[in-house]
Protein backbone atom coordinates (compact mmCIF):
# COMPACT_ATOMS: atom_id res chain seq x y z
CA MET A 1 93.66 93.41 109.23
CA THR A 2 90.10 92.81 108.14
CA LYS A 3 89.22 90.55 105.24
CA ARG A 4 88.03 93.59 103.26
CA THR A 5 91.28 95.50 103.87
CA ALA A 6 93.35 92.48 102.91
CA ALA A 7 91.35 92.11 99.68
CA LYS A 8 91.79 95.80 98.93
CA HIS A 9 95.57 95.57 99.29
CA LYS A 10 95.61 92.42 97.17
CA ILE A 11 93.88 94.30 94.33
CA ASP A 12 96.65 96.92 94.32
CA ARG A 13 99.36 94.30 94.16
CA ARG A 14 97.57 92.18 91.57
CA MET A 15 97.19 95.21 89.31
CA GLY A 16 100.77 96.27 89.97
CA GLU A 17 99.53 99.82 90.55
CA ASN A 18 98.47 101.96 93.49
CA ILE A 19 95.00 102.41 91.98
CA TRP A 20 93.62 104.61 94.79
CA GLY A 21 96.81 106.62 95.26
CA ARG A 22 96.92 105.78 98.95
CA ALA A 23 99.99 106.18 101.13
CA LYS A 24 99.13 102.85 102.80
CA SER A 25 99.30 100.86 99.56
CA PRO A 26 101.61 97.83 99.85
CA LEU A 27 103.09 98.81 96.48
CA ASN A 28 104.93 101.58 98.31
CA LYS A 29 106.98 98.80 99.93
CA ARG A 30 106.91 95.93 97.43
CA GLU A 31 106.06 96.08 93.77
CA TYR A 32 105.49 92.39 93.12
CA GLY A 33 102.10 90.67 93.10
CA PRO A 34 100.41 88.75 95.93
CA GLY A 35 100.86 85.06 96.68
CA GLN A 36 103.79 82.65 96.53
CA HIS A 37 104.34 83.28 92.82
CA GLY A 38 104.07 87.04 93.04
CA GLN A 39 107.76 87.68 92.45
CA ARG A 40 107.90 85.77 89.19
CA ARG A 41 108.91 87.78 86.16
CA LYS A 42 105.87 89.05 84.27
CA GLY A 43 105.58 88.35 80.57
CA LYS A 44 104.02 90.72 78.05
CA LEU A 45 100.23 90.68 78.15
CA SER A 46 98.22 89.64 75.10
CA ASP A 47 95.48 91.96 73.76
CA PHE A 48 92.96 89.90 75.73
CA GLY A 49 95.11 90.15 78.86
CA THR A 50 95.42 93.92 78.48
CA GLN A 51 91.66 94.30 78.06
CA LEU A 52 90.97 92.01 81.02
CA ARG A 53 93.41 93.97 83.19
CA ALA A 54 91.69 97.25 82.26
CA LYS A 55 88.33 95.77 83.25
CA GLN A 56 89.65 94.38 86.55
CA LYS A 57 91.29 97.69 87.41
CA LEU A 58 88.16 99.77 86.79
CA LYS A 59 85.94 97.20 88.54
CA GLY A 60 88.35 97.02 91.48
CA TYR A 61 88.60 100.79 91.84
CA TYR A 62 84.89 101.09 92.62
CA GLY A 63 85.07 98.66 95.53
CA ASP A 64 85.75 95.44 93.62
CA LEU A 65 82.25 95.18 92.18
CA THR A 66 81.04 91.71 91.27
CA GLU A 67 81.18 90.74 87.61
CA LYS A 68 77.38 90.63 87.52
CA GLN A 69 77.10 94.19 88.86
CA PHE A 70 79.77 95.54 86.55
CA ARG A 71 78.38 93.77 83.48
CA ARG A 72 74.92 95.22 84.21
CA ILE A 73 76.33 98.76 84.42
CA TYR A 74 78.24 98.18 81.19
CA GLY A 75 75.03 97.01 79.52
CA GLU A 76 73.35 100.28 80.53
CA ALA A 77 76.31 102.30 79.21
CA GLU A 78 76.06 100.48 75.91
CA ARG A 79 72.36 101.28 75.52
CA VAL A 80 72.75 105.01 76.10
CA THR A 81 73.60 107.31 73.18
CA GLY A 82 77.23 108.38 73.03
CA ASP A 83 80.63 106.85 73.73
CA THR A 84 80.16 103.63 75.73
CA GLY A 85 83.42 104.05 77.68
CA GLU A 86 82.52 107.59 78.72
CA ASN A 87 78.99 106.47 79.61
CA LEU A 88 80.42 103.66 81.76
CA VAL A 89 82.57 106.06 83.78
CA GLY A 90 79.62 108.44 84.21
CA LEU A 91 77.36 105.66 85.50
CA LEU A 92 80.01 104.43 87.94
CA GLU A 93 80.53 107.95 89.28
CA ARG A 94 76.80 108.38 89.80
CA ARG A 95 76.71 105.51 92.31
CA LEU A 96 75.88 106.77 95.81
CA ASP A 97 78.96 105.17 97.37
CA ALA A 98 81.16 106.80 94.70
CA LEU A 99 79.80 110.26 95.52
CA VAL A 100 80.27 109.72 99.27
CA TYR A 101 83.89 108.79 98.49
CA ARG A 102 84.41 111.75 96.13
CA ALA A 103 83.00 114.13 98.77
CA LYS A 104 85.65 112.84 101.21
CA PHE A 105 83.11 111.90 103.86
CA VAL A 106 85.14 108.68 104.24
CA ALA A 107 88.68 107.67 103.34
CA THR A 108 88.09 104.77 100.93
CA ILE A 109 85.50 103.49 98.48
CA PHE A 110 85.12 100.40 100.66
CA ALA A 111 84.35 102.59 103.68
CA ALA A 112 81.87 104.54 101.53
CA ARG A 113 79.90 101.39 100.75
CA GLN A 114 79.78 100.47 104.43
CA PHE A 115 78.88 104.04 105.40
CA VAL A 116 75.88 103.98 103.07
CA ASN A 117 74.82 100.45 104.04
CA HIS A 118 74.83 101.41 107.72
CA GLY A 119 72.28 104.17 107.12
CA HIS A 120 74.44 107.26 107.65
CA VAL A 121 73.35 108.96 104.40
CA LEU A 122 70.36 110.90 103.07
CA VAL A 123 69.61 111.69 99.42
CA ASN A 124 67.50 114.82 98.99
CA GLY A 125 66.52 114.49 102.65
CA LYS A 126 65.44 110.84 102.47
CA ALA A 127 67.34 107.90 103.95
CA VAL A 128 69.02 105.65 101.37
CA ASN A 129 71.11 102.64 102.39
CA ILE A 130 71.82 101.14 98.97
CA ALA A 131 75.40 101.78 97.84
CA SER A 132 74.57 101.24 94.17
CA TYR A 133 71.74 103.82 94.24
CA ARG A 134 71.94 105.86 91.02
CA LEU A 135 72.11 109.61 91.59
CA ARG A 136 70.83 112.24 89.17
CA GLU A 137 72.42 115.57 88.42
CA GLY A 138 71.37 118.04 91.11
CA ASP A 139 70.82 115.40 93.81
CA VAL A 140 72.08 116.39 97.25
CA VAL A 141 73.67 113.78 99.51
CA SER A 142 74.00 114.57 103.21
CA VAL A 143 75.26 112.86 106.34
CA ARG A 144 72.51 112.13 108.87
CA GLU A 145 72.45 114.46 111.88
CA LYS A 146 73.21 111.69 114.37
CA SER A 147 76.19 110.50 112.31
CA ARG A 148 77.97 113.83 111.87
CA GLN A 149 80.20 113.41 114.92
CA LEU A 150 81.80 110.20 113.64
CA ALA A 151 85.59 110.45 113.80
CA ILE A 152 86.05 108.82 110.38
CA ILE A 153 84.42 111.84 108.70
CA ALA A 154 86.80 114.43 110.18
CA GLU A 155 89.75 112.15 109.44
CA ALA A 156 88.71 111.70 105.81
CA ILE A 157 88.10 115.42 105.20
CA ALA A 158 91.59 116.17 106.53
CA LEU A 159 93.28 113.73 104.13
CA SER A 160 95.61 115.47 101.69
CA GLU A 161 96.04 112.52 99.31
CA ARG A 162 93.06 113.50 97.13
CA ASP A 163 90.86 116.50 96.33
CA VAL A 164 87.13 116.87 95.68
CA PRO A 165 86.54 117.02 91.89
CA ASP A 166 84.70 120.00 90.36
CA TYR A 167 81.61 117.98 89.41
CA VAL A 168 80.86 117.54 93.13
CA GLU A 169 79.92 120.55 95.25
CA VAL A 170 80.69 119.97 98.94
CA ASP A 171 79.80 121.91 102.09
CA ASN A 172 82.03 120.57 104.87
CA GLN A 173 80.14 122.51 107.52
CA LYS A 174 76.74 121.03 106.66
CA LEU A 175 78.30 117.76 105.40
CA THR A 176 76.40 117.87 102.14
CA ALA A 177 77.51 117.02 98.62
CA LYS A 178 75.75 117.85 95.36
CA LEU A 179 76.29 116.04 92.06
CA VAL A 180 76.63 119.06 89.79
CA ARG A 181 77.03 117.10 86.55
CA THR A 182 77.84 113.67 85.24
CA PRO A 183 81.61 113.53 84.64
CA GLY A 184 83.50 112.17 81.66
CA LEU A 185 86.72 110.20 81.84
CA SER A 186 88.93 113.31 81.74
CA ASP A 187 87.04 114.83 84.70
CA VAL A 188 87.55 111.94 87.11
CA PRO A 189 90.68 112.21 89.31
CA TYR A 190 91.92 108.64 88.93
CA PRO A 191 95.44 108.28 90.43
CA VAL A 192 96.28 105.84 87.62
CA VAL A 193 95.37 105.63 83.93
CA MET A 194 91.97 104.04 83.40
CA GLU A 195 91.11 102.73 79.95
CA PRO A 196 87.35 102.19 79.61
CA ASN A 197 87.85 101.87 75.83
CA LEU A 198 89.66 98.58 76.51
CA VAL A 199 86.76 97.48 78.71
CA VAL A 200 84.46 98.09 75.75
CA GLU A 201 86.76 95.99 73.55
CA TYR A 202 86.79 93.23 76.15
CA TYR A 203 83.00 92.94 76.31
CA ALA A 204 82.67 93.25 72.54
CA LYS A 205 84.69 90.08 72.17
CA ASN A 206 83.45 88.13 75.20
């Protein structure tokens, strides 16, 4: 098991939820947290603890972003007109690695980041290898010609554990994906309940 995979599984167990809805989640076998104290009985979380958990869950879902990255995205969401929580979700979904994941070109958000970093992706016909690249509505993401035969793509497309959401338009023959619109919280197919409003409360107090 790679370090990245181990970390991914640890996030699931720390949250106590199968946050990606994957059949391989360790929570399907054991519901307690990681580490030697993982089986201890959990007490009721304080308001701060609940808000912190909501932030960790959302941050973890998008590939366990660093606090600096996540805080910067939150700052942008706060500056834009409208509901900050909804804006935060929209900005996270407009990341290039998030769209590659939503389009099912790869199986996991972690694989999406690596896929982008390794230069397998084009945005509007131009090579982009920055996972955090911010897409605009109408942008078309495609898999490079020389990368289209990769086995991981066919395997990911065949996965039945998740569907492509309606704000992403995918052509599996051409391996292209278009961001039709910026989604709101209710549009995003999270396997678990995400609470960006609690993330807003967390940053308002800290």
